[in-house]
Amino acid sequence: MPLHTWTSARYAIPLPDGHRFPISKYAQLRDQVIADGLVPADHLHEPERATHDELSRVHDAAYVDAVLQGTLTPAAQRTVGFPWSPALAERSLRAVGGTIAAARAAVTNGLAMNLAGGTHHAFPSHGEGFCVFNDVAVAIRALQHDGLIARAAVVDLDVHQGNGTHAIFAGDPSVFTFSMHGGRNYPFRKVAGTLDVELDDGTGDAIYLDLLRTYLPRVLSASRPDLVCFLAGADPHEGDTLGRLTLSFDGLKARDYFVLESCRAIGVPVVITVAGGYGRDVNDTVRVHLNTVGIAASFV
């Protein structure tokens, strides 16, 4: 069976000229996935909106209302990094909906992917770092609420620590939060997860993969998850403007393969989100994400 994927790419948001968030990557990724034959068109789904109830299991209701009603303060908008617009609210709902749907499909099929998401800097009462709602956290709580899973592990391999995710699940033994990230990179005030591995600037393929091969088996053994949420960020790539690491395309492919192979070996389903990527050339970012899709497609 081909890989089931979700895309919210048509829900673009208006951004000022020169804004550093690469909103165009989502449409490029969607189009290239089809052009390369990685996923059949009927397995590329448009997500439903996340509901207020689903969001409110993670986020304060007042914050959800402020996003949906357009009453975020200017300061809150600056912290998020996006100017508010109706399109921002719509895209945020759809992107979270994509991760919820992909997580449900992963539990059934073993593996599924949202071609968006990974918004791990969103906290219960605010967003930051280009993250409005925390899609992975909302998806985990949705599946727990419905009795589809009891335990989850977050394997966050975006170059930036998932501080919001860590804060949401702090003290909750049912969710193991694992992050490998730049130690001197954003966010500059980290929030402790279950296991954090901090990387030096300039870390390349060999050291990165050695660390991943050391720690991921420990994470899977300790967490005993019913679902792994894999944030497959493109921003550890050597061409990323915000990453400060030096992983190659092949190194990131080896990362993705190892995560999926490790999970398959113990029979745990995986939902993948694309997370960050800010390449000097957006085509490099899209290529990293495409490689992730291709590797995932080879596992179904």
Protein backbone atom coordinates (compact mmCIF):
# COMPACT_ATOMS: atom_id res chain seq x y z
CA MET A 1 0.00 0.00 0.00
CA PRO A 2 1.45 3.43 -0.90
CA LEU A 3 2.32 5.95 1.79
CA HIS A 4 -0.58 8.08 2.99
CA THR A 5 0.36 11.76 3.21
CA TRP A 6 -1.42 15.00 4.05
CA THR A 7 -0.71 18.46 2.63
CA SER A 8 -2.03 21.86 3.65
CA ALA A 9 0.05 23.60 0.98
CA ARG A 10 -2.86 25.42 -0.64
CA TYR A 11 -3.45 27.24 2.62
CA ALA A 12 -0.64 29.72 2.14
CA ILE A 13 -0.23 32.82 4.29
CA PRO A 14 0.60 36.38 3.22
CA LEU A 15 4.02 37.44 4.46
CA PRO A 16 5.95 40.69 4.09
CA ASP A 17 8.64 40.89 1.42
CA GLY A 18 11.90 39.45 2.69
CA HIS A 19 10.29 37.37 5.44
CA ARG A 20 12.60 34.48 6.26
CA PHE A 21 9.93 31.80 6.59
CA PRO A 22 9.93 29.71 3.37
CA ILE A 23 6.19 29.29 2.90
CA SER A 24 6.78 28.33 -0.75
CA LYS A 25 8.45 25.07 0.23
CA TYR A 26 5.15 23.38 1.04
CA ALA A 27 3.65 23.81 -2.42
CA GLN A 28 6.95 22.84 -4.04
CA LEU A 29 7.11 19.72 -1.88
CA ARG A 30 3.52 18.74 -2.69
CA ASP A 31 4.05 19.20 -6.42
CA GLN A 32 7.38 17.39 -6.49
CA VAL A 33 6.08 14.42 -4.50
CA ILE A 34 3.54 13.85 -7.28
CA ALA A 35 5.95 14.68 -10.12
CA ASP A 36 8.50 12.18 -8.81
CA GLY A 37 5.88 9.49 -8.34
CA LEU A 38 6.66 9.09 -4.64
CA VAL A 39 3.00 9.12 -3.63
CA PRO A 40 -0.06 8.52 -5.84
CA ALA A 41 -2.38 11.49 -6.08
CA ASP A 42 -5.13 9.60 -4.25
CA HIS A 43 -2.81 9.11 -1.27
CA LEU A 44 -2.09 12.85 -0.96
CA HIS A 45 -4.91 14.12 1.21
CA GLU A 46 -6.11 17.55 2.24
CA PRO A 47 -6.55 17.71 6.01
CA GLU A 48 -9.64 18.71 7.90
CA ARG A 49 -9.37 21.55 10.39
CA ALA A 50 -8.32 20.65 13.90
CA THR A 51 -11.26 21.29 16.21
CA HIS A 52 -11.40 23.67 19.12
CA ASP A 53 -11.76 20.71 21.48
CA GLU A 54 -8.69 19.00 20.02
CA LEU A 55 -6.61 22.16 20.33
CA SER A 56 -7.84 22.87 23.84
CA ARG A 57 -6.49 19.59 25.17
CA VAL A 58 -3.06 21.19 24.75
CA HIS A 59 -3.56 24.93 24.43
CA ASP A 60 -5.31 27.40 26.68
CA ALA A 61 -8.78 28.09 25.30
CA ALA A 62 -8.16 31.84 25.48
CA TYR A 63 -5.07 31.47 23.28
CA VAL A 64 -6.95 29.30 20.77
CA ASP A 65 -9.72 31.90 20.63
CA ALA A 66 -7.22 34.73 20.11
CA VAL A 67 -5.69 32.93 17.13
CA LEU A 68 -9.02 32.06 15.57
CA GLN A 69 -10.66 35.43 16.21
CA GLY A 70 -7.69 37.59 15.28
CA THR A 71 -7.18 39.16 18.70
CA LEU A 72 -3.52 38.26 19.20
CA THR A 73 -1.67 41.30 20.47
CA PRO A 74 1.07 42.84 18.32
CA ALA A 75 3.60 41.51 20.83
CA ALA A 76 2.17 38.00 20.56
CA GLN A 77 2.33 38.20 16.78
CA ARG A 78 5.97 39.26 16.92
CA THR A 79 6.75 36.33 19.22
CA VAL A 80 5.08 33.91 16.80
CA GLY A 81 6.93 35.55 13.93
CA PHE A 82 3.89 35.93 11.66
CA PRO A 83 1.43 38.79 11.22
CA TRP A 84 -2.08 37.60 11.99
CA SER A 85 -4.45 37.05 9.09
CA PRO A 86 -7.50 34.86 8.50
CA ALA A 87 -5.23 32.76 6.28
CA LEU A 88 -2.82 32.18 9.19
CA ALA A 89 -5.65 30.88 11.38
CA GLU A 90 -6.90 28.61 8.59
CA ARG A 91 -3.47 27.24 7.76
CA SER A 92 -2.72 26.60 11.42
CA LEU A 93 -5.91 24.57 11.81
CA ARG A 94 -5.23 22.58 8.64
CA ALA A 95 -1.59 21.84 9.47
CA VAL A 96 -2.56 20.47 12.88
CA GLY A 97 -5.39 18.53 11.29
CA GLY A 98 -2.88 16.95 8.93
CA THR A 99 -0.76 15.64 11.79
CA ILE A 100 -3.81 14.29 13.63
CA ALA A 101 -4.97 12.47 10.49
CA ALA A 102 -1.49 11.16 9.72
CA ALA A 103 -1.08 9.92 13.29
CA ARG A 104 -4.36 8.03 13.07
CA ALA A 105 -3.30 6.51 9.76
CA ALA A 106 0.08 5.55 11.19
CA VAL A 107 -1.56 3.59 13.99
CA THR A 108 -3.57 1.68 11.37
CA ASN A 109 -0.97 1.33 8.61
CA GLY A 110 2.33 1.55 10.49
CA LEU A 111 3.56 4.75 8.85
CA ALA A 112 2.11 8.01 7.55
CA MET A 113 3.35 11.55 6.96
CA ASN A 114 2.20 15.15 7.15
CA LEU A 115 3.96 17.33 4.57
CA ALA A 116 3.82 20.14 7.11
CA GLY A 117 3.78 20.30 10.91
CA GLY A 118 6.52 19.87 13.43
CA THR A 119 5.58 23.18 15.07
CA HIS A 120 7.39 22.35 18.27
CA HIS A 121 7.95 25.87 19.66
CA ALA A 122 4.26 26.39 20.44
CA PHE A 123 3.49 26.41 24.17
CA PRO A 124 0.07 25.99 25.82
CA SER A 125 -0.52 29.74 26.12
CA HIS A 126 1.50 31.20 23.25
CA GLY A 127 3.26 30.49 19.99
CA GLU A 128 6.79 31.38 19.04
CA GLY A 129 9.46 30.63 16.45
CA PHE A 130 7.02 30.37 13.49
CA CYS A 131 4.85 27.91 15.45
CA VAL A 132 1.22 28.78 16.24
CA PHE A 133 -0.20 25.49 17.56
CA ASN A 134 1.80 22.42 18.59
CA ASP A 135 0.56 19.87 16.08
CA VAL A 136 2.44 16.85 17.45
CA ALA A 137 1.22 17.48 20.99
CA VAL A 138 -2.36 17.95 19.81
CA ALA A 139 -2.18 14.72 17.80
CA ILE A 140 -0.80 12.74 20.74
CA ARG A 141 -3.54 14.01 23.04
CA ALA A 142 -6.20 13.28 20.40
CA LEU A 143 -5.09 9.67 20.02
CA GLN A 144 -4.76 9.21 23.77
CA HIS A 145 -8.23 10.66 24.25
CA ASP A 146 -9.68 8.22 21.73
CA GLY A 147 -7.90 5.26 23.29
CA LEU A 148 -5.79 4.57 20.20
CA ILE A 149 -2.51 4.93 22.10
CA ALA A 150 -1.44 5.12 25.72
CA ARG A 151 2.21 6.08 25.31
CA ALA A 152 4.14 8.08 22.72
CA ALA A 153 7.72 9.06 21.99
CA VAL A 154 8.64 12.31 20.27
CA VAL A 155 11.84 11.93 18.25
CA ASP A 156 12.66 15.54 17.43
CA LEU A 157 15.49 15.83 14.93
CA ASP A 158 14.85 19.39 13.89
CA VAL A 159 18.00 21.43 14.52
CA HIS A 160 16.18 23.56 17.12
CA GLN A 161 15.07 22.18 20.46
CA GLY A 162 11.34 21.56 20.75
CA ASN A 163 10.93 23.72 23.82
CA GLY A 164 7.16 23.97 23.52
CA THR A 165 6.69 20.23 23.19
CA HIS A 166 8.94 19.65 26.18
CA ALA A 167 6.97 22.13 28.28
CA ILE A 168 3.63 20.58 27.30
CA PHE A 169 4.66 17.07 28.32
CA ALA A 170 6.86 17.93 31.32
CA GLY A 171 6.11 15.53 34.12
CA ASP A 172 3.94 13.28 31.96
CA PRO A 173 5.41 9.75 31.97
CA SER A 174 3.18 8.70 29.05
CA VAL A 175 5.15 10.86 26.58
CA PHE A 176 8.92 10.60 26.14
CA THR A 177 10.46 13.72 24.55
CA PHE A 178 13.82 13.20 22.83
CA SER A 179 15.61 16.01 21.02
CA MET A 180 18.96 16.25 19.24
CA HIS A 181 19.61 19.90 18.51
CA GLY A 182 22.15 22.69 18.27
CA GLY A 183 23.21 23.54 21.79
CA ARG A 184 23.99 27.18 20.95
CA ASN A 185 21.08 27.64 18.58
CA TYR A 186 17.53 28.92 19.07
CA PRO A 187 15.72 28.69 21.47
CA PHE A 188 18.30 30.26 23.71
CA ARG A 189 16.35 29.28 26.83
CA LYS A 190 15.89 25.56 26.53
CA VAL A 191 13.20 23.56 28.31
CA ALA A 192 14.36 20.19 29.57
CA GLY A 193 12.88 17.20 27.80
CA THR A 194 13.08 13.57 28.84
CA LEU A 195 16.38 13.34 26.94
CA ASP A 196 18.25 16.17 25.24
CA VAL A 197 21.41 15.74 23.18
CA GLU A 198 23.08 19.07 22.45
CA LEU A 199 25.25 19.37 19.36
CA ASP A 200 28.20 21.67 18.75
CA ASP A 201 28.12 24.10 15.86
CA GLY A 202 29.55 22.44 12.78
CA THR A 203 28.56 18.90 13.76
CA GLY A 204 28.60 16.73 10.64
CA ASP A 205 27.38 13.37 9.46
CA ALA A 206 29.71 11.04 11.34
CA ILE A 207 29.31 12.47 14.84
CA TYR A 208 25.59 13.12 14.37
CA LEU A 209 24.83 9.59 13.20
CA ASP A 210 27.00 8.03 15.92
CA LEU A 211 25.03 9.93 18.55
CA LEU A 212 21.71 8.99 17.00
CA ARG A 213 22.71 5.32 16.86
CA THR A 214 23.70 5.53 20.51
CA TYR A 215 20.65 7.27 21.90
CA LEU A 216 17.66 6.30 19.76
CA PRO A 217 17.64 2.63 20.84
CA ARG A 218 17.70 3.80 24.45
CA VAL A 219 14.76 6.12 23.79
CA LEU A 220 12.68 3.37 22.21
CA SER A 221 13.53 0.91 24.98
CA ALA A 222 12.77 3.34 27.80
CA SER A 223 9.62 4.86 26.31
CA ARG A 224 7.87 1.67 25.16
CA PRO A 225 5.76 3.78 22.81
CA ASP A 226 2.57 2.93 20.97
CA LEU A 227 3.47 5.67 18.48
CA VAL A 228 6.63 7.53 17.52
CA CYS A 229 6.28 11.12 16.30
CA PHE A 230 9.32 11.85 14.13
CA LEU A 231 10.14 15.50 13.39
CA ALA A 232 12.36 15.13 10.34
CA GLY A 233 13.68 18.68 10.12
CA ALA A 234 15.66 19.73 7.05
CA ASP A 235 17.53 22.39 8.99
CA PRO A 236 20.51 20.27 10.10
CA HIS A 237 21.56 20.44 6.43
CA GLU A 238 24.85 22.19 5.67
CA GLY A 239 23.07 24.68 3.40
CA ASP A 240 20.61 25.87 6.04
CA THR A 241 20.80 29.52 7.05
CA LEU A 242 19.62 28.87 10.61
CA GLY A 243 21.01 25.40 11.26
CA ARG A 244 24.72 25.82 12.05
CA LEU A 245 25.31 22.09 11.50
CA THR A 246 26.93 20.49 8.45
CA LEU A 247 24.94 17.38 7.61
CA SER A 248 24.92 16.35 3.96
CA PHE A 249 21.96 15.12 1.94
CA ASP A 250 23.26 11.58 2.38
CA GLY A 251 23.71 12.08 6.11
CA LEU A 252 20.10 13.19 6.49
CA LYS A 253 18.91 10.24 4.41
CA ALA A 254 20.87 7.94 6.74
CA ARG A 255 19.21 9.67 9.71
CA ASP A 256 15.73 9.07 8.31
CA TYR A 257 16.44 5.48 7.38
CA PHE A 258 17.84 4.68 10.82
CA VAL A 259 14.84 6.13 12.62
CA LEU A 260 12.34 4.24 10.49
CA GLU A 261 14.31 1.00 10.52
CA SER A 262 14.70 1.17 14.31
CA CYS A 263 10.96 1.65 14.76
CA ARG A 264 10.05 -1.07 12.29
CA ALA A 265 12.38 -3.50 14.07
CA ILE A 266 10.26 -3.23 17.23
CA GLY A 267 6.92 -2.90 15.45
CA VAL A 268 6.04 0.63 16.55
CA PRO A 269 4.12 2.90 14.14
CA VAL A 270 5.58 6.24 13.09
CA VAL A 271 4.02 9.53 12.07
CA ILE A 272 6.42 11.93 10.33
CA THR A 273 6.25 15.72 10.13
CA VAL A 274 8.62 17.85 8.05
CA ALA A 275 9.43 20.47 10.72
CA GLY A 276 11.93 23.22 9.84
CA GLY A 277 14.16 24.04 6.93
CA TYR A 278 15.60 27.41 5.91
CA GLY A 279 18.05 26.68 3.14
CA ARG A 280 19.92 29.43 1.34
CA ASP A 281 18.38 27.73 -1.68
CA VAL A 282 14.81 26.63 -0.94
CA ASN A 283 15.28 23.83 -3.45
CA ASP A 284 17.81 22.25 -1.08
CA THR A 285 15.25 22.29 1.72
CA VAL A 286 12.64 20.73 -0.54
CA ARG A 287 15.16 18.08 -1.60
CA VAL A 288 15.77 17.07 2.03
CA HIS A 289 12.03 16.76 2.62
CA LEU A 290 11.58 14.84 -0.64
CA ASN A 291 14.26 12.40 0.44
CA THR A 292 12.34 11.83 3.67
CA VAL A 293 9.16 11.12 1.72
CA GLY A 294 11.00 8.73 -0.56
CA ILE A 295 12.53 6.81 2.31
CA ALA A 296 9.19 6.64 4.11
CA ALA A 297 7.51 5.39 0.93
CA SER A 298 10.04 2.57 0.76
CA PHE A 299 8.94 1.34 4.20
CA VAL A 300 5.25 0.81 3.42
